[in-house]
Structure formats: structure tokens, C-alpha cells
């Protein structure tokens, strides 16, 4: 029965750790812009082609 208590305490500790890491990531700006990085790879090729055409 003691092992269940230990597992509950460990799981709550791990959950609080992940919650603290999530709040730290949000506060430090990790999730500010999630659209631009996904589109950047598509836009950079167009910019390179446009620059080479202009020269």
C-alpha cells in the first residue's frame, strides 16, 4: 500500500515540474509566433528566386 502513496507523490511532483516548465516557456516567449516559422521555408525560396530574377 505504501508503494501507491509513493507513486502518487512522484507523479504529482513530475506533473508540477512539467507545469512549471510550461509556464516558464510561455513567459519566456517560446509560443509567441507559431505561424511564421512554418511558413518561412515556403517564403525563403520565393525571395531567393525573386532576387535572382531582378539581377
C-alpha atoms as a PDB file:
ATOM      1  CA  UNK A   1       0.000   0.000   0.000  1.00  0.00           C
ATOM      2  CA  UNK A   2       2.941   2.313   0.634  1.00  0.00           C
ATOM      3  CA  UNK A   3       4.084   1.976  -2.965  1.00  0.00           C
ATOM      4  CA  UNK A   4       0.829   3.511  -4.208  1.00  0.00           C
ATOM      5  CA  UNK A   5       1.397   6.521  -1.972  1.00  0.00           C
ATOM      6  CA  UNK A   6       4.957   6.856  -3.285  1.00  0.00           C
ATOM      7  CA  UNK A   7       3.773   6.619  -6.885  1.00  0.00           C
ATOM      8  CA  UNK A   8       1.117   9.274  -6.320  1.00  0.00           C
ATOM      9  CA  UNK A   9       3.660  11.629  -4.746  1.00  0.00           C
ATOM     10  CA  UNK A  10       6.148  11.049  -7.565  1.00  0.00           C
ATOM     11  CA  UNK A  11       3.504  11.567 -10.255  1.00  0.00           C
ATOM     12  CA  UNK A  12       2.279  14.795  -8.652  1.00  0.00           C
ATOM     13  CA  UNK A  13       5.877  16.013  -8.420  1.00  0.00           C
ATOM     14  CA  UNK A  14       6.507  15.243 -12.090  1.00  0.00           C
ATOM     15  CA  UNK A  15       3.232  16.908 -13.107  1.00  0.00           C
ATOM     16  CA  UNK A  16       4.087  20.058 -11.144  1.00  0.00           C
ATOM     17  CA  UNK A  17       7.535  20.069 -12.787  1.00  0.00           C
ATOM     18  CA  UNK A  18       6.035  19.892 -16.273  1.00  0.00           C
ATOM     19  CA  UNK A  19       3.509  22.585 -15.394  1.00  0.00           C
ATOM     20  CA  UNK A  20       6.288  24.856 -14.138  1.00  0.00           C
ATOM     21  CA  UNK A  21       8.300  24.214 -17.319  1.00  0.00           C
ATOM     22  CA  UNK A  22       5.247  25.057 -19.430  1.00  0.00           C
ATOM     23  CA  UNK A  23       4.632  28.329 -17.579  1.00  0.00           C
ATOM     24  CA  UNK A  24       8.330  29.205 -17.890  1.00  0.00           C
ATOM     25  CA  UNK A  25       8.234  28.547 -21.655  1.00  0.00           C
ATOM     26  CA  UNK A  26       5.132  30.689 -22.112  1.00  0.00           C
ATOM     27  CA  UNK A  27       6.595  33.501 -20.015  1.00  0.00           C
ATOM     28  CA  UNK A  28       9.907  33.451 -21.914  1.00  0.00           C
ATOM     29  CA  UNK A  29       8.130  33.779 -25.275  1.00  0.00           C
ATOM     30  CA  UNK A  30       8.514  30.286 -26.705  1.00  0.00           C
ATOM     31  CA  UNK A  31       4.951  30.308 -28.029  1.00  0.00           C
ATOM     32  CA  UNK A  32       4.688  33.891 -29.269  1.00  0.00           C
ATOM     33  CA  UNK A  33       4.777  33.190 -33.004  1.00  0.00           C
ATOM     34  CA  UNK A  34       3.989  29.694 -34.149  1.00  0.00           C
ATOM     35  CA  UNK A  35       2.827  30.551 -37.676  1.00  0.00           C
ATOM     36  CA  UNK A  36       5.856  32.284 -39.202  1.00  0.00           C
ATOM     37  CA  UNK A  37       8.448  29.515 -38.670  1.00  0.00           C
ATOM     38  CA  UNK A  38       6.216  27.045 -40.504  1.00  0.00           C
ATOM     39  CA  UNK A  39       5.776  29.428 -43.424  1.00  0.00           C
ATOM     40  CA  UNK A  40       9.372  30.695 -43.522  1.00  0.00           C
ATOM     41  CA  UNK A  41      10.606  27.719 -45.531  1.00  0.00           C
ATOM     42  CA  UNK A  42       7.990  28.433 -48.188  1.00  0.00           C
ATOM     43  CA  UNK A  43       8.717  32.159 -48.321  1.00  0.00           C
ATOM     44  CA  UNK A  44      12.517  31.974 -48.453  1.00  0.00           C
ATOM     45  CA  UNK A  45      12.571  30.098 -51.761  1.00  0.00           C
ATOM     46  CA  UNK A  46      10.316  32.713 -53.337  1.00  0.00           C
ATOM     47  CA  UNK A  47      12.542  35.531 -52.076  1.00  0.00           C
ATOM     48  CA  UNK A  48      15.685  33.877 -53.457  1.00  0.00           C
ATOM     49  CA  UNK A  49      14.077  33.343 -56.865  1.00  0.00           C
ATOM     50  CA  UNK A  50      12.843  36.951 -56.978  1.00  0.00           C
ATOM     51  CA  UNK A  51      16.285  38.317 -56.135  1.00  0.00           C
ATOM     52  CA  UNK A  52      17.992  36.256 -58.842  1.00  0.00           C
ATOM     53  CA  UNK A  53      15.409  37.353 -61.435  1.00  0.00           C
ATOM     54  CA  UNK A  54      15.934  41.026 -60.598  1.00  0.00           C
ATOM     55  CA  UNK A  55      19.708  40.855 -61.164  1.00  0.00           C
END
